[in-house]
Amino acid sequence: MSLNLKIVGLQIKQSRLRAGISQAELASLTDVSRATINGLENGSINEIGVNRLNRIVLKCQDLVGVHDVTSPSTRKSASLDLSFPYDWSNSAMSDTLLIDKVVERGLFEDLVKVAARFGTAPLRRSIDRFTAKHRTAAPALNRMLGNIEKAMHAQA
């Protein structure tokens, strides 16, 4: 998965400015350095940890309120409580594309949440499509899906 940090940084800056707070204040609210906020907003950061970025994104959404297009109420990844904002730049992302993005990232916790919401059949189709192109990922993804299916069957 490729995330354009320059676009995310611009969205963070717009949210921060709409909220009327400084880079230092946003940094303090998200437990990151002001240099990190500055680097994101100015496009000089090429990589950042998912958890750090997610904290910043979620705080920006809180700051601008429900009128923001990407507020948690409109983002599927937020409503599912996924660990990564898969639909940060596209809040109208289809369910199939969201599932594909979750499979591509391969985080077990997110796969579980997707399976709980959409069932295992769409997850299986997405895994099959992904592993046809990325054969080395097949054992891990299939093992995770097998464990999810066992757990869901045991609960039924």
N, C-alpha and C. Protein backbone atom coordinates (compact mmCIF):
# COMPACT_ATOMS: atom_id res chain seq x y z
N MET A 1 0.83 -1.17 0.00
CA MET A 1 0.00 0.00 0.00
C MET A 1 0.88 1.23 0.00
N SER A 2 0.50 2.20 -0.78
CA SER A 2 1.25 3.43 -0.85
C SER A 2 0.40 4.58 -0.33
N LEU A 3 0.90 5.29 0.64
CA LEU A 3 0.20 6.42 1.23
C LEU A 3 0.99 7.67 0.90
N ASN A 4 0.35 8.65 0.31
CA ASN A 4 1.02 9.88 -0.05
C ASN A 4 1.06 10.79 1.17
N LEU A 5 2.21 10.82 1.84
CA LEU A 5 2.33 11.61 3.07
C LEU A 5 2.25 13.10 2.81
N LYS A 6 2.57 13.54 1.60
CA LYS A 6 2.46 14.97 1.30
C LYS A 6 1.00 15.41 1.31
N ILE A 7 0.12 14.58 0.76
CA ILE A 7 -1.31 14.90 0.77
C ILE A 7 -1.85 14.84 2.19
N VAL A 8 -1.47 13.81 2.93
CA VAL A 8 -1.90 13.69 4.33
C VAL A 8 -1.41 14.90 5.12
N GLY A 9 -0.18 15.30 4.89
CA GLY A 9 0.38 16.45 5.58
C GLY A 9 -0.40 17.73 5.30
N LEU A 10 -0.80 17.91 4.05
CA LEU A 10 -1.60 19.09 3.71
C LEU A 10 -2.95 19.06 4.39
N GLN A 11 -3.55 17.87 4.47
CA GLN A 11 -4.84 17.74 5.16
C GLN A 11 -4.69 18.01 6.65
N ILE A 12 -3.58 17.56 7.23
CA ILE A 12 -3.32 17.82 8.64
C ILE A 12 -3.18 19.33 8.87
N LYS A 13 -2.43 19.99 7.98
CA LYS A 13 -2.24 21.44 8.11
C LYS A 13 -3.57 22.18 7.99
N GLN A 14 -4.39 21.79 7.02
CA GLN A 14 -5.69 22.45 6.85
C GLN A 14 -6.55 22.26 8.10
N SER A 15 -6.57 21.06 8.64
CA SER A 15 -7.36 20.80 9.85
C SER A 15 -6.83 21.61 11.03
N ARG A 16 -5.53 21.67 11.17
CA ARG A 16 -4.92 22.41 12.28
C ARG A 16 -5.24 23.89 12.17
N LEU A 17 -5.13 24.43 10.96
CA LEU A 17 -5.42 25.85 10.76
C LEU A 17 -6.90 26.16 10.99
N ARG A 18 -7.79 25.28 10.53
CA ARG A 18 -9.23 25.47 10.77
C ARG A 18 -9.53 25.47 12.26
N ALA A 19 -8.79 24.64 12.99
CA ALA A 19 -9.01 24.55 14.44
C ALA A 19 -8.35 25.72 15.17
N GLY A 20 -7.47 26.44 14.47
CA GLY A 20 -6.84 27.61 15.06
C GLY A 20 -5.79 27.30 16.11
N ILE A 21 -5.04 26.22 15.92
CA ILE A 21 -3.98 25.89 16.88
C ILE A 21 -2.63 25.86 16.17
N SER A 22 -1.59 25.98 16.96
CA SER A 22 -0.23 25.98 16.42
C SER A 22 0.28 24.56 16.21
N GLN A 23 1.40 24.46 15.50
CA GLN A 23 2.04 23.15 15.33
C GLN A 23 2.45 22.60 16.69
N ALA A 24 2.94 23.45 17.56
CA ALA A 24 3.38 23.01 18.89
C ALA A 24 2.19 22.47 19.69
N GLU A 25 1.04 23.13 19.58
CA GLU A 25 -0.14 22.65 20.31
C GLU A 25 -0.60 21.29 19.78
N LEU A 26 -0.62 21.13 18.44
CA LEU A 26 -1.01 19.84 17.87
C LEU A 26 -0.01 18.76 18.28
N ALA A 27 1.27 19.11 18.28
CA ALA A 27 2.30 18.15 18.69
C ALA A 27 2.07 17.70 20.13
N SER A 28 1.76 18.64 21.00
CA SER A 28 1.52 18.32 22.40
C SER A 28 0.28 17.43 22.55
N LEU A 29 -0.76 17.72 21.79
CA LEU A 29 -2.00 16.94 21.87
C LEU A 29 -1.84 15.51 21.37
N THR A 30 -0.87 15.29 20.48
CA THR A 30 -0.69 13.98 19.86
C THR A 30 0.57 13.26 20.32
N ASP A 31 1.29 13.86 21.25
CA ASP A 31 2.48 13.24 21.82
C ASP A 31 3.55 12.95 20.77
N VAL A 32 3.74 13.92 19.86
CA VAL A 32 4.83 13.86 18.89
C VAL A 32 5.57 15.20 18.97
N SER A 33 6.70 15.29 18.30
CA SER A 33 7.45 16.55 18.33
C SER A 33 6.85 17.56 17.35
N ARG A 34 7.12 18.84 17.61
CA ARG A 34 6.68 19.88 16.68
C ARG A 34 7.36 19.69 15.33
N ALA A 35 8.59 19.19 15.35
CA ALA A 35 9.31 18.93 14.10
C ALA A 35 8.60 17.88 13.25
N THR A 36 7.98 16.90 13.91
CA THR A 36 7.23 15.88 13.18
C THR A 36 6.03 16.51 12.49
N ILE A 37 5.28 17.35 13.21
CA ILE A 37 4.13 18.03 12.62
C ILE A 37 4.59 18.92 11.47
N ASN A 38 5.67 19.67 11.70
CA ASN A 38 6.21 20.56 10.67
C ASN A 38 6.62 19.75 9.44
N GLY A 39 7.32 18.65 9.65
CA GLY A 39 7.78 17.83 8.54
C GLY A 39 6.63 17.23 7.74
N LEU A 40 5.58 16.80 8.43
CA LEU A 40 4.40 16.28 7.74
C LEU A 40 3.74 17.38 6.90
N GLU A 41 3.53 18.53 7.53
CA GLU A 41 2.84 19.62 6.84
C GLU A 41 3.63 20.16 5.66
N ASN A 42 4.94 20.12 5.74
CA ASN A 42 5.77 20.66 4.66
C ASN A 42 6.27 19.61 3.68
N GLY A 43 5.88 18.36 3.89
CA GLY A 43 6.22 17.29 2.95
C GLY A 43 7.64 16.81 3.03
N SER A 44 8.34 17.08 4.13
CA SER A 44 9.73 16.65 4.22
C SER A 44 9.90 15.30 4.93
N ILE A 45 8.81 14.74 5.45
CA ILE A 45 8.86 13.41 6.08
C ILE A 45 8.45 12.38 5.05
N ASN A 46 9.29 11.38 4.86
CA ASN A 46 9.01 10.33 3.88
C ASN A 46 8.38 9.10 4.50
N GLU A 47 8.56 8.92 5.81
CA GLU A 47 7.93 7.78 6.49
C GLU A 47 7.69 8.14 7.94
N ILE A 48 6.64 7.51 8.48
CA ILE A 48 6.26 7.74 9.87
C ILE A 48 5.54 6.49 10.34
N GLY A 49 5.65 6.20 11.60
CA GLY A 49 4.97 5.03 12.16
C GLY A 49 3.45 5.16 12.04
N VAL A 50 2.80 4.05 11.80
CA VAL A 50 1.36 4.03 11.62
C VAL A 50 0.65 4.57 12.85
N ASN A 51 1.06 4.16 14.02
CA ASN A 51 0.38 4.60 15.25
C ASN A 51 0.54 6.10 15.46
N ARG A 52 1.72 6.63 15.18
CA ARG A 52 1.93 8.08 15.33
C ARG A 52 1.06 8.84 14.35
N LEU A 53 1.05 8.40 13.09
CA LEU A 53 0.25 9.07 12.08
C LEU A 53 -1.23 8.98 12.43
N ASN A 54 -1.68 7.83 12.88
CA ASN A 54 -3.08 7.64 13.23
C ASN A 54 -3.49 8.58 14.37
N ARG A 55 -2.61 8.74 15.39
CA ARG A 55 -2.91 9.67 16.49
C ARG A 55 -3.11 11.08 15.97
N ILE A 56 -2.24 11.50 15.06
CA ILE A 56 -2.32 12.86 14.51
C ILE A 56 -3.60 13.03 13.69
N VAL A 57 -3.88 12.07 12.83
CA VAL A 57 -5.06 12.13 11.97
C VAL A 57 -6.34 12.17 12.82
N LEU A 58 -6.43 11.28 13.80
CA LEU A 58 -7.63 11.25 14.63
C LEU A 58 -7.80 12.53 15.44
N LYS A 59 -6.71 13.09 15.94
CA LYS A 59 -6.81 14.34 16.69
C LYS A 59 -7.24 15.48 15.77
N CYS A 60 -6.75 15.50 14.54
CA CYS A 60 -7.17 16.53 13.58
C CYS A 60 -8.66 16.41 13.29
N GLN A 61 -9.14 15.20 13.18
CA GLN A 61 -10.57 15.00 12.95
C GLN A 61 -11.38 15.49 14.14
N ASP A 62 -10.88 15.22 15.35
CA ASP A 62 -11.58 15.70 16.55
C ASP A 62 -11.61 17.22 16.58
N LEU A 63 -10.52 17.84 16.17
CA LEU A 63 -10.41 19.30 16.23
C LEU A 63 -11.37 20.01 15.29
N VAL A 64 -11.55 19.46 14.09
CA VAL A 64 -12.39 20.15 13.11
C VAL A 64 -13.85 19.76 13.23
N GLY A 65 -14.16 18.72 13.97
CA GLY A 65 -15.54 18.35 14.23
C GLY A 65 -16.20 17.59 13.11
N VAL A 66 -17.49 17.42 13.25
CA VAL A 66 -18.26 16.57 12.34
C VAL A 66 -18.44 17.16 10.96
N HIS A 67 -18.11 18.42 10.74
CA HIS A 67 -18.29 19.03 9.43
C HIS A 67 -17.19 18.66 8.45
N ASP A 68 -16.11 18.10 8.95
CA ASP A 68 -15.02 17.67 8.07
C ASP A 68 -15.47 16.47 7.25
N VAL A 69 -15.08 16.45 5.98
CA VAL A 69 -15.46 15.36 5.08
C VAL A 69 -14.93 14.03 5.58
N THR A 70 -13.78 14.01 6.22
CA THR A 70 -13.17 12.76 6.65
C THR A 70 -13.39 12.50 8.14
N SER A 71 -14.47 12.98 8.69
CA SER A 71 -14.73 12.76 10.11
C SER A 71 -14.92 11.27 10.38
N PRO A 72 -14.68 10.83 11.61
CA PRO A 72 -14.79 9.41 11.92
C PRO A 72 -16.15 8.81 11.57
N SER A 73 -17.20 9.61 11.61
CA SER A 73 -18.51 9.06 11.32
C SER A 73 -18.68 8.68 9.85
N THR A 74 -17.84 9.22 8.95
CA THR A 74 -17.97 8.91 7.54
C THR A 74 -16.91 7.93 7.05
N ARG A 75 -15.89 7.68 7.83
CA ARG A 75 -14.82 6.79 7.40
C ARG A 75 -15.08 5.38 7.91
N LYS A 76 -15.09 4.43 6.99
CA LYS A 76 -15.33 3.04 7.35
C LYS A 76 -14.24 2.50 8.27
N SER A 77 -12.98 2.88 8.00
CA SER A 77 -11.89 2.37 8.83
C SER A 77 -12.04 2.83 10.28
N ALA A 78 -12.56 4.03 10.48
CA ALA A 78 -12.78 4.52 11.84
C ALA A 78 -13.98 3.83 12.48
N SER A 79 -15.04 3.64 11.71
CA SER A 79 -16.23 2.99 12.28
C SER A 79 -15.96 1.53 12.65
N LEU A 80 -15.01 0.91 11.94
CA LEU A 80 -14.62 -0.47 12.26
C LEU A 80 -13.52 -0.51 13.32
N ASP A 81 -13.01 0.67 13.71
CA ASP A 81 -11.91 0.77 14.67
C ASP A 81 -10.67 0.05 14.17
N LEU A 82 -10.36 0.23 12.88
CA LEU A 82 -9.17 -0.38 12.30
C LEU A 82 -7.93 0.37 12.77
N SER A 83 -6.80 -0.29 12.78
CA SER A 83 -5.58 0.30 13.32
C SER A 83 -4.90 1.27 12.36
N PHE A 84 -5.38 1.35 11.14
CA PHE A 84 -4.78 2.22 10.14
C PHE A 84 -5.89 2.94 9.38
N PRO A 85 -5.73 4.22 9.06
CA PRO A 85 -6.78 4.94 8.32
C PRO A 85 -6.73 4.62 6.83
N TYR A 86 -7.14 3.41 6.47
CA TYR A 86 -7.06 2.93 5.08
C TYR A 86 -7.77 3.87 4.11
N ASP A 87 -8.85 4.49 4.55
CA ASP A 87 -9.64 5.35 3.67
C ASP A 87 -9.47 6.84 4.00
N TRP A 88 -8.28 7.20 4.49
CA TRP A 88 -8.00 8.59 4.87
C TRP A 88 -8.24 9.54 3.71
N SER A 89 -7.78 9.21 2.52
CA SER A 89 -7.91 10.12 1.39
C SER A 89 -9.16 9.84 0.55
N ASN A 90 -9.94 8.81 0.91
CA ASN A 90 -11.13 8.46 0.14
C ASN A 90 -12.19 7.91 1.09
N SER A 91 -12.95 8.81 1.69
CA SER A 91 -13.95 8.36 2.66
C SER A 91 -15.11 7.62 2.01
N ALA A 92 -15.21 7.69 0.67
CA ALA A 92 -16.27 6.99 -0.05
C ALA A 92 -15.79 5.66 -0.62
N MET A 93 -14.70 5.14 -0.10
CA MET A 93 -14.11 3.89 -0.59
C MET A 93 -15.13 2.75 -0.50
N SER A 94 -15.18 1.93 -1.54
CA SER A 94 -16.10 0.79 -1.54
C SER A 94 -15.64 -0.24 -0.49
N ASP A 95 -16.60 -1.06 -0.07
CA ASP A 95 -16.28 -2.11 0.90
C ASP A 95 -15.22 -3.06 0.34
N THR A 96 -15.35 -3.40 -0.93
CA THR A 96 -14.39 -4.32 -1.56
C THR A 96 -12.98 -3.73 -1.54
N LEU A 97 -12.86 -2.46 -1.88
CA LEU A 97 -11.53 -1.83 -1.89
C LEU A 97 -10.97 -1.75 -0.47
N LEU A 98 -11.81 -1.42 0.49
CA LEU A 98 -11.34 -1.38 1.88
C LEU A 98 -10.82 -2.75 2.31
N ILE A 99 -11.57 -3.79 2.00
CA ILE A 99 -11.15 -5.16 2.34
C ILE A 99 -9.83 -5.48 1.65
N ASP A 100 -9.69 -5.10 0.38
CA ASP A 100 -8.43 -5.33 -0.35
C ASP A 100 -7.27 -4.62 0.33
N LYS A 101 -7.47 -3.39 0.78
CA LYS A 101 -6.41 -2.63 1.45
C LYS A 101 -6.03 -3.29 2.78
N VAL A 102 -7.01 -3.79 3.50
CA VAL A 102 -6.73 -4.46 4.77
C VAL A 102 -5.93 -5.74 4.52
N VAL A 103 -6.32 -6.50 3.50
CA VAL A 103 -5.58 -7.73 3.15
C VAL A 103 -4.16 -7.38 2.74
N GLU A 104 -4.00 -6.34 1.95
CA GLU A 104 -2.67 -5.93 1.49
C GLU A 104 -1.75 -5.60 2.66
N ARG A 105 -2.28 -4.96 3.69
CA ARG A 105 -1.48 -4.61 4.86
C ARG A 105 -1.23 -5.83 5.75
N GLY A 106 -2.20 -6.75 5.80
CA GLY A 106 -2.01 -8.02 6.49
C GLY A 106 -1.96 -7.98 8.00
N LEU A 107 -2.66 -7.02 8.63
CA LEU A 107 -2.69 -6.95 10.09
C LEU A 107 -3.83 -7.82 10.62
N PHE A 108 -3.48 -8.80 11.44
CA PHE A 108 -4.45 -9.77 11.92
C PHE A 108 -5.66 -9.11 12.59
N GLU A 109 -5.41 -8.13 13.46
CA GLU A 109 -6.50 -7.48 14.18
C GLU A 109 -7.48 -6.83 13.22
N ASP A 110 -6.97 -6.21 12.16
CA ASP A 110 -7.84 -5.58 11.18
C ASP A 110 -8.60 -6.62 10.35
N LEU A 111 -7.94 -7.73 10.04
CA LEU A 111 -8.61 -8.81 9.32
C LEU A 111 -9.78 -9.35 10.15
N VAL A 112 -9.59 -9.48 11.45
CA VAL A 112 -10.65 -9.96 12.34
C VAL A 112 -11.84 -8.99 12.31
N LYS A 113 -11.57 -7.70 12.40
CA LYS A 113 -12.64 -6.71 12.42
C LYS A 113 -13.40 -6.68 11.10
N VAL A 114 -12.67 -6.84 9.99
CA VAL A 114 -13.31 -6.89 8.67
C VAL A 114 -14.19 -8.13 8.57
N ALA A 115 -13.68 -9.27 9.03
CA ALA A 115 -14.46 -10.51 8.97
C ALA A 115 -15.71 -10.41 9.83
N ALA A 116 -15.61 -9.77 10.98
CA ALA A 116 -16.76 -9.61 11.85
C ALA A 116 -17.84 -8.75 11.20
N ARG A 117 -17.40 -7.76 10.44
CA ARG A 117 -18.36 -6.85 9.80
C ARG A 117 -18.92 -7.40 8.49
N PHE A 118 -18.05 -7.94 7.63
CA PHE A 118 -18.46 -8.32 6.29
C PHE A 118 -18.56 -9.83 6.07
N GLY A 119 -18.09 -10.61 7.04
CA GLY A 119 -18.08 -12.05 6.89
C GLY A 119 -16.75 -12.52 6.29
N THR A 120 -16.55 -13.82 6.26
CA THR A 120 -15.27 -14.35 5.77
C THR A 120 -15.24 -14.53 4.26
N ALA A 121 -16.40 -14.62 3.61
CA ALA A 121 -16.42 -14.85 2.16
C ALA A 121 -15.76 -13.71 1.38
N PRO A 122 -16.11 -12.43 1.64
CA PRO A 122 -15.43 -11.35 0.91
C PRO A 122 -13.94 -11.29 1.25
N LEU A 123 -13.61 -11.61 2.49
CA LEU A 123 -12.21 -11.64 2.90
C LEU A 123 -11.46 -12.73 2.15
N ARG A 124 -12.06 -13.90 2.01
CA ARG A 124 -11.46 -15.01 1.27
C ARG A 124 -11.22 -14.61 -0.19
N ARG A 125 -12.21 -13.97 -0.82
CA ARG A 125 -12.05 -13.54 -2.23
C ARG A 125 -10.89 -12.56 -2.37
N SER A 126 -10.80 -11.63 -1.45
CA SER A 126 -9.72 -10.64 -1.51
C SER A 126 -8.36 -11.30 -1.29
N ILE A 127 -8.29 -12.21 -0.33
CA ILE A 127 -7.03 -12.92 -0.07
C ILE A 127 -6.63 -13.73 -1.30
N ASP A 128 -7.59 -14.39 -1.94
CA ASP A 128 -7.29 -15.18 -3.14
C ASP A 128 -6.74 -14.29 -4.26
N ARG A 129 -7.36 -13.12 -4.45
CA ARG A 129 -6.86 -12.19 -5.49
C ARG A 129 -5.45 -11.72 -5.16
N PHE A 130 -5.24 -11.35 -3.89
CA PHE A 130 -3.94 -10.82 -3.49
C PHE A 130 -2.84 -11.87 -3.58
N THR A 131 -3.13 -13.08 -3.11
CA THR A 131 -2.09 -14.12 -3.09
C THR A 131 -1.80 -14.67 -4.48
N ALA A 132 -2.70 -14.47 -5.45
CA ALA A 132 -2.41 -14.87 -6.82
C ALA A 132 -1.25 -14.05 -7.37
N LYS A 133 -1.11 -12.82 -6.90
CA LYS A 133 -0.03 -11.94 -7.35
C LYS A 133 1.16 -11.96 -6.40
N HIS A 134 0.91 -12.26 -5.14
CA HIS A 134 1.95 -12.22 -4.11
C HIS A 134 1.97 -13.57 -3.39
N ARG A 135 2.51 -14.56 -4.03
CA ARG A 135 2.47 -15.93 -3.53
C ARG A 135 3.14 -16.11 -2.17
N THR A 136 4.14 -15.32 -1.88
CA THR A 136 4.83 -15.48 -0.59
C THR A 136 3.95 -15.09 0.59
N ALA A 137 2.93 -14.28 0.33
CA ALA A 137 2.02 -13.87 1.41
C ALA A 137 0.94 -14.91 1.69
N ALA A 138 0.77 -15.85 0.79
CA ALA A 138 -0.34 -16.82 0.89
C ALA A 138 -0.34 -17.61 2.20
N PRO A 139 0.77 -18.20 2.63
CA PRO A 139 0.71 -19.01 3.86
C PRO A 139 0.24 -18.21 5.08
N ALA A 140 0.80 -17.02 5.25
CA ALA A 140 0.45 -16.22 6.43
C ALA A 140 -1.00 -15.77 6.37
N LEU A 141 -1.44 -15.24 5.23
CA LEU A 141 -2.81 -14.77 5.12
C LEU A 141 -3.82 -15.91 5.26
N ASN A 142 -3.53 -17.04 4.64
CA ASN A 142 -4.44 -18.19 4.74
C ASN A 142 -4.49 -18.74 6.17
N ARG A 143 -3.37 -18.72 6.87
CA ARG A 143 -3.34 -19.17 8.26
C ARG A 143 -4.18 -18.23 9.13
N MET A 144 -4.02 -16.92 8.91
CA MET A 144 -4.81 -15.96 9.68
C MET A 144 -6.30 -16.13 9.41
N LEU A 145 -6.67 -16.29 8.13
CA LEU A 145 -8.08 -16.47 7.79
C LEU A 145 -8.61 -17.77 8.39
N GLY A 146 -7.81 -18.83 8.36
CA GLY A 146 -8.24 -20.09 8.97
C GLY A 146 -8.52 -19.93 10.45
N ASN A 147 -7.66 -19.20 11.15
CA ASN A 147 -7.87 -18.96 12.58
C ASN A 147 -9.14 -18.13 12.82
N ILE A 148 -9.37 -17.15 11.96
CA ILE A 148 -10.58 -16.32 12.09
C ILE A 148 -11.82 -17.17 11.86
N GLU A 149 -11.78 -18.01 10.83
CA GLU A 149 -12.93 -18.87 10.53
C GLU A 149 -13.20 -19.84 11.69
N LYS A 150 -12.15 -20.41 12.26
CA LYS A 150 -12.33 -21.31 13.41
C LYS A 150 -12.98 -20.58 14.58
N ALA A 151 -12.50 -19.38 14.86
CA ALA A 151 -13.04 -18.61 15.98
C ALA A 151 -14.49 -18.22 15.74
N MET A 152 -14.81 -17.84 14.52
CA MET A 152 -16.19 -17.46 14.20
C MET A 152 -17.11 -18.68 14.25
N HIS A 153 -16.61 -19.81 13.80
CA HIS A 153 -17.41 -21.04 13.84
C HIS A 153 -17.66 -21.47 15.30
N ALA A 154 -16.64 -21.31 16.14
CA ALA A 154 -16.77 -21.69 17.54
C ALA A 154 -17.79 -20.82 18.26
N GLN A 155 -17.92 -19.56 17.84
CA GLN A 155 -18.87 -18.64 18.48
C GLN A 155 -20.30 -18.90 18.01
N ALA A 156 -20.45 -19.51 16.84
CA ALA A 156 -21.80 -19.73 16.28
C ALA A 156 -22.57 -20.78 17.01
